[in-house]
C-alpha cells in the first residue's frame, strides 16, 4: 500500500504515541507545543507540517529525526508530483 507523506507523518505519530503509551495531549505537553498543532496534523487541517514541528515532536518523544523517519511508511511513499 502506498501512501502520501502527510499520511505517513500521521501514521508515524500515532504509532509512536501507541508505542510510548501516551495520548496526543500527552505528546503535546512533552513536545511543548499546543495540542491543537498536533491535532491539526492528525486530522488533516495542517497539510504540510514543518520540520521544526516534527523535530519538537521528536524531542518530546525523546527520539531523533532519523528514528522518526525510519519507518516502512516513509520507505513506501507515493510520488507526490503527478
Protein backbone atom coordinates (compact mmCIF):
# COMPACT_ATOMS: atom_id res chain seq x y z
CA UNK A 1 0.00 0.00 0.00
CA UNK A 2 1.41 3.38 -0.99
CA UNK A 3 0.57 6.48 0.99
CA UNK A 4 1.42 10.15 0.75
CA UNK A 5 3.88 11.95 3.00
CA UNK A 6 1.25 13.69 5.17
CA UNK A 7 -0.45 10.36 5.81
CA UNK A 8 2.92 8.78 6.71
CA UNK A 9 3.56 11.55 9.27
CA UNK A 10 0.15 10.95 10.86
CA UNK A 11 0.68 7.20 10.87
CA UNK A 12 4.09 7.58 12.48
CA UNK A 13 2.87 9.99 15.19
CA UNK A 14 0.04 7.61 16.09
CA UNK A 15 2.40 4.63 16.03
CA UNK A 16 4.92 6.32 18.32
CA UNK A 17 2.25 7.51 20.76
CA UNK A 18 0.90 3.98 20.92
CA UNK A 19 4.39 2.54 21.50
CA UNK A 20 5.10 5.05 24.27
CA UNK A 21 1.61 4.75 25.80
CA UNK A 22 0.81 8.44 25.52
CA UNK A 23 -2.10 10.43 24.16
CA UNK A 24 -1.96 13.25 21.65
CA UNK A 25 -2.43 15.72 24.52
CA UNK A 26 0.37 13.99 26.42
CA UNK A 27 2.62 14.27 23.39
CA UNK A 28 1.78 17.97 23.03
CA UNK A 29 2.75 18.50 26.66
CA UNK A 30 6.04 16.60 26.24
CA UNK A 31 6.82 18.45 23.00
CA UNK A 32 5.90 21.87 24.44
CA UNK A 33 3.53 22.63 21.57
CA UNK A 34 -0.21 23.31 21.65
CA UNK A 35 -2.41 20.19 21.43
CA UNK A 36 -4.21 21.88 18.53
CA UNK A 37 -0.98 21.80 16.49
CA UNK A 38 -0.73 18.02 16.73
CA UNK A 39 -4.48 17.56 16.28
CA UNK A 40 -4.35 19.72 13.14
CA UNK A 41 -1.66 17.40 11.76
CA UNK A 42 -3.60 14.26 12.73
CA UNK A 43 -6.94 15.45 11.32
CA UNK A 44 -5.52 16.88 8.10
CA UNK A 45 -6.06 20.57 8.82
CA UNK A 46 -2.30 21.08 8.56
CA UNK A 47 -1.43 19.72 5.12
CA UNK A 48 2.30 20.33 5.41
CA UNK A 49 3.66 20.12 8.96
CA UNK A 50 7.02 21.84 9.20
CA UNK A 51 10.24 20.07 10.04
CA UNK A 52 10.66 22.24 13.15
CA UNK A 53 7.30 20.99 14.45
CA UNK A 54 8.27 17.40 13.67
CA UNK A 55 11.61 17.97 15.45
CA UNK A 56 9.75 19.26 18.52
CA UNK A 57 7.56 16.16 18.43
CA UNK A 58 10.71 14.03 18.24
CA UNK A 59 12.22 15.92 21.18
CA UNK A 60 9.04 15.26 23.18
CA UNK A 61 9.25 11.57 22.31
CA UNK A 62 13.00 11.55 23.06
CA UNK A 63 13.85 10.25 19.60
CA UNK A 64 15.88 11.60 16.69
CA UNK A 65 14.52 12.77 13.36
CA UNK A 66 16.25 9.74 11.87
CA UNK A 67 14.25 7.46 14.18
CA UNK A 68 11.03 9.28 13.30
CA UNK A 69 11.54 8.79 9.57
CA UNK A 70 12.91 5.25 9.93
CA UNK A 71 9.59 3.57 9.24
CA UNK A 72 8.04 1.48 6.48
CA UNK A 73 5.51 4.26 5.96
CA UNK A 74 8.30 6.55 4.73
CA UNK A 75 10.07 3.85 2.73
CA UNK A 76 6.98 3.22 0.61
CA UNK A 77 5.87 6.78 -0.14
CA UNK A 78 3.79 7.50 -3.18
CA UNK A 79 5.05 10.01 -5.75
CA UNK A 80 3.74 13.45 -4.71
CA UNK A 81 4.13 15.13 -8.11
CA UNK A 82 1.56 13.86 -10.55
